[in-house]
């Protein structure tokens, strides 16, 4: 279905960028520092989505449910992961197929664009620069920038305020249930891509406004309000 909106917000990891190789390298570096064996890439792909502290907890525990424990990860493990990730952030990350053309099409239609991510700001901004996405974005909201990250709607509502648009006139494009919940709670329209990091939950089962194969397809379905 086509939608008419005034602005488009997009998730970063799993929607715009495939960052799993960088995150895997950082996780394995952390585990080596702790004297533990490496983790599989596919496990990292499943663990991504709720910020670095939760990723670290999942890697250490070897299960998704570790992110539901409110206890913070060990400081030494978190510091090690951040050290390694600062070194490899953006080295292997690359846009998914159709992302650059899709963003160019959205800009050509006159949409202000923004990134909403649970990644820490210290890693978000360099990553956007290194992968060539920064020039497209009018606003960026990182996971540690506001009191509550996705799936809370706060980052989306705040970004809409910065863009001077109503959430009801905004589209959120993401790859997971967290993006879906945040978008719906904010009052945005929601498109989901099926190729990203969905923590084991198929987005096809979510009542999004559309499931799109790429950002190019998303751009084709969006009209300026």
Protein backbone atom coordinates (compact mmCIF):
# COMPACT_ATOMS: atom_id res chain seq x y z
CA UNK A 1 0.00 0.00 0.00
CA UNK A 2 1.16 3.56 -0.63
CA UNK A 3 1.21 6.15 2.13
CA UNK A 4 1.37 9.93 2.22
CA UNK A 5 3.70 11.39 4.87
CA UNK A 6 5.88 14.43 5.50
CA UNK A 7 9.03 12.77 6.91
CA UNK A 8 10.71 9.36 7.10
CA UNK A 9 12.59 7.90 10.07
CA UNK A 10 14.74 4.81 9.65
CA UNK A 11 16.36 2.25 11.92
CA UNK A 12 20.11 1.79 11.39
CA UNK A 13 21.47 -1.71 12.13
CA UNK A 14 19.60 -4.29 10.07
CA UNK A 15 17.58 -1.76 8.09
CA UNK A 16 20.13 0.56 6.49
CA UNK A 17 23.40 -1.16 7.36
CA UNK A 18 24.64 -4.71 7.71
CA UNK A 19 26.87 -4.25 10.76
CA UNK A 20 27.03 -7.81 12.01
CA UNK A 21 30.68 -8.41 11.00
CA UNK A 22 31.88 -5.39 13.01
CA UNK A 23 29.77 -6.40 16.02
CA UNK A 24 30.98 -10.00 15.74
CA UNK A 25 34.62 -8.87 15.68
CA UNK A 26 34.06 -6.73 18.79
CA UNK A 27 32.25 -9.54 20.61
CA UNK A 28 35.00 -12.04 19.83
CA UNK A 29 37.64 -9.54 20.96
CA UNK A 30 35.77 -9.10 24.24
CA UNK A 31 35.45 -12.85 24.75
CA UNK A 32 39.16 -13.32 24.05
CA UNK A 33 39.95 -10.68 26.69
CA UNK A 34 37.81 -12.67 29.12
CA UNK A 35 39.49 -15.97 28.21
CA UNK A 36 36.38 -17.35 26.56
CA UNK A 37 35.83 -18.95 23.13
CA UNK A 38 34.40 -16.90 20.22
CA UNK A 39 30.71 -16.58 19.40
CA UNK A 40 29.15 -17.55 16.06
CA UNK A 41 28.23 -14.81 13.59
CA UNK A 42 24.65 -16.06 13.39
CA UNK A 43 24.30 -15.76 17.15
CA UNK A 44 25.38 -12.12 16.92
CA UNK A 45 22.85 -11.57 14.14
CA UNK A 46 20.11 -12.79 16.50
CA UNK A 47 21.40 -10.78 19.49
CA UNK A 48 21.48 -7.34 17.81
CA UNK A 49 18.68 -4.84 18.37
CA UNK A 50 18.59 -3.57 21.93
CA UNK A 51 21.84 -1.67 22.28
CA UNK A 52 25.39 -2.65 23.22
CA UNK A 53 24.83 -3.39 26.94
CA UNK A 54 22.11 -5.89 26.07
CA UNK A 55 24.22 -7.34 23.25
CA UNK A 56 27.05 -7.89 25.73
CA UNK A 57 24.67 -9.57 28.19
CA UNK A 58 23.36 -11.87 25.47
CA UNK A 59 26.86 -12.78 24.27
CA UNK A 60 28.02 -13.59 27.80
CA UNK A 61 24.93 -15.65 28.60
CA UNK A 62 24.56 -17.21 25.16
CA UNK A 63 20.84 -16.51 25.00
CA UNK A 64 18.40 -13.82 23.88
CA UNK A 65 16.55 -13.76 27.19
CA UNK A 66 19.57 -12.26 28.96
CA UNK A 67 18.43 -8.83 27.72
CA UNK A 68 15.30 -9.13 29.89
CA UNK A 69 17.44 -9.11 33.04
CA UNK A 70 17.68 -5.48 34.28
CA UNK A 71 21.11 -6.15 35.82
CA UNK A 72 23.78 -4.28 33.82
CA UNK A 73 26.57 -6.29 32.20
CA UNK A 74 29.94 -6.57 34.00
CA UNK A 75 31.85 -3.32 33.62
CA UNK A 76 35.01 -5.07 32.42
CA UNK A 77 33.12 -6.90 29.66
CA UNK A 78 31.30 -3.77 28.52
CA UNK A 79 34.50 -1.72 28.50
CA UNK A 80 36.26 -4.43 26.50
CA UNK A 81 33.48 -4.62 23.93
CA UNK A 82 33.43 -0.83 23.49
CA UNK A 83 37.22 -0.77 23.09
CA UNK A 84 37.12 -3.36 20.33
CA UNK A 85 34.05 -1.88 18.65
CA UNK A 86 35.59 1.59 18.55
CA UNK A 87 38.44 0.01 16.58
CA UNK A 88 36.32 -1.91 14.06
CA UNK A 89 33.13 0.19 13.87
CA UNK A 90 32.38 0.78 10.18
CA UNK A 91 35.26 -1.32 8.85
CA UNK A 92 33.11 -4.12 7.42
CA UNK A 93 29.66 -2.50 7.72
CA UNK A 94 27.93 -1.79 4.43
CA UNK A 95 24.53 -0.62 3.24
CA UNK A 96 22.05 -3.32 2.36
CA UNK A 97 21.12 -3.56 -1.35
CA UNK A 98 18.88 -0.69 -2.40
CA UNK A 99 19.66 1.53 0.57
CA UNK A 100 21.71 4.24 -1.15
CA UNK A 101 19.36 4.41 -4.14
CA UNK A 102 16.36 4.37 -1.83
CA UNK A 103 17.66 7.22 0.33
CA UNK A 104 18.50 9.22 -2.80
CA UNK A 105 14.94 8.66 -4.09
CA UNK A 106 13.44 9.79 -0.78
CA UNK A 107 15.57 12.94 -0.75
CA UNK A 108 14.63 13.62 -4.37
CA UNK A 109 10.97 13.52 -3.31
CA UNK A 110 11.71 16.16 -0.68
CA UNK A 111 11.44 14.07 2.49
CA UNK A 112 13.47 15.04 5.55
CA UNK A 113 15.10 11.85 6.84
CA UNK A 114 16.23 10.72 10.27
CA UNK A 115 17.93 7.75 11.93
CA UNK A 116 16.53 6.22 15.10
CA UNK A 117 18.91 3.68 16.61
CA UNK A 118 19.60 2.02 19.95
CA UNK A 119 23.34 2.20 19.20
CA UNK A 120 25.29 4.58 21.43
CA UNK A 121 25.94 8.03 19.98
CA UNK A 122 29.72 7.59 20.19
CA UNK A 123 29.42 4.79 17.63
CA UNK A 124 26.42 6.01 15.61
CA UNK A 125 27.86 9.24 14.24
CA UNK A 126 31.22 7.79 13.07
CA UNK A 127 29.37 4.86 11.49
CA UNK A 128 27.08 7.16 9.50
CA UNK A 129 30.10 9.12 8.29
CA UNK A 130 32.16 6.07 7.33
CA UNK A 131 29.35 4.44 5.38
CA UNK A 132 28.24 7.58 3.51
CA UNK A 133 24.82 7.85 5.14
CA UNK A 134 25.40 11.02 7.16
CA UNK A 135 24.65 13.50 4.33
CA UNK A 136 21.14 12.08 3.93
CA UNK A 137 20.09 12.63 7.54
CA UNK A 138 18.50 15.72 9.02
CA UNK A 139 18.28 14.24 12.52
CA UNK A 140 19.90 11.32 14.35
CA UNK A 141 18.72 9.88 17.66
CA UNK A 142 21.02 7.37 19.37
CA UNK A 143 20.17 4.90 22.10
CA UNK A 144 21.86 6.83 24.92
CA UNK A 145 20.70 10.28 23.83
CA UNK A 146 17.30 10.25 25.59
CA UNK A 147 16.01 8.63 28.80
CA UNK A 148 14.17 5.85 26.96
CA UNK A 149 15.25 4.08 23.72
CA UNK A 150 13.13 1.99 21.34
CA UNK A 151 10.71 0.26 21.75
CA UNK A 152 9.62 3.33 23.71
CA UNK A 153 8.20 5.97 21.33
CA UNK A 154 10.24 8.79 22.91
CA UNK A 155 13.06 8.84 20.28
CA UNK A 156 10.55 8.95 17.41
CA UNK A 157 8.46 11.71 18.99
CA UNK A 158 11.61 13.72 19.76
CA UNK A 159 12.87 13.33 16.20
CA UNK A 160 9.52 14.44 14.80
CA UNK A 161 9.78 17.55 16.95
CA UNK A 162 13.22 18.30 15.54
CA UNK A 163 11.83 17.90 12.00
CA UNK A 164 8.75 19.98 12.85
CA UNK A 165 6.33 17.27 11.76
CA UNK A 166 3.62 15.35 13.57
CA UNK A 167 4.25 11.65 14.28
CA UNK A 168 0.94 11.00 12.49
CA UNK A 169 2.53 12.45 9.34
CA UNK A 170 5.72 10.39 9.69
CA UNK A 171 6.79 6.95 8.50
CA UNK A 172 9.06 4.68 10.54
CA UNK A 173 11.02 2.08 8.56
CA UNK A 174 12.60 -0.71 10.57
CA UNK A 175 13.44 -4.40 10.75
CA UNK A 176 12.16 -5.60 14.13
CA UNK A 177 9.34 -5.76 16.63
CA UNK A 178 11.03 -2.92 18.54
CA UNK A 179 10.75 -0.61 15.54
CA UNK A 180 7.15 -1.71 15.04
CA UNK A 181 6.19 -1.12 18.67
CA UNK A 182 7.98 2.24 18.81
CA UNK A 183 6.37 3.40 15.58
CA UNK A 184 2.87 2.34 16.58
CA UNK A 185 3.19 3.83 20.08
CA UNK A 186 4.35 7.13 18.59
CA UNK A 187 1.44 7.18 16.15
CA UNK A 188 3.60 6.80 13.04
CA UNK A 189 2.96 4.70 9.98
CA UNK A 190 5.31 1.70 9.90
CA UNK A 191 7.09 -0.16 7.09
CA UNK A 192 9.26 -3.19 7.90
CA UNK A 193 12.01 -4.90 5.92
CA UNK A 194 12.31 -8.71 6.18
CA UNK A 195 16.09 -9.01 5.90
CA UNK A 196 17.37 -7.43 9.10
CA UNK A 197 18.02 -8.30 12.74
CA UNK A 198 14.64 -9.30 14.14
CA UNK A 199 15.72 -11.24 17.27
CA UNK A 200 14.14 -14.39 15.91
CA UNK A 201 10.67 -12.88 15.40
CA UNK A 202 9.53 -12.85 11.76
CA UNK A 203 8.27 -9.36 10.92
CA UNK A 204 5.75 -10.89 8.50
CA UNK A 205 3.60 -11.60 11.53
CA UNK A 206 3.42 -7.95 12.57
CA UNK A 207 0.59 -5.68 11.44
CA UNK A 208 2.79 -3.12 9.70
CA UNK A 209 1.44 -0.84 6.99
CA UNK A 210 3.72 -2.67 4.54
CA UNK A 211 6.54 -5.21 4.36
CA UNK A 212 9.02 -3.88 1.80
CA UNK A 213 11.89 -5.79 0.23
CA UNK A 214 14.19 -2.77 0.18
CA UNK A 215 14.41 0.95 0.89
CA UNK A 216 13.99 1.47 -2.86
CA UNK A 217 10.62 -0.28 -2.69
CA UNK A 218 9.72 1.79 0.36
CA UNK A 219 10.54 4.99 -1.51
CA UNK A 220 8.29 3.94 -4.38
CA UNK A 221 5.34 3.52 -2.00
CA UNK A 222 5.71 6.86 -0.25
CA UNK A 223 4.18 10.11 -1.45
CA UNK A 224 4.82 13.60 -0.10
CA UNK A 225 1.88 14.84 1.92
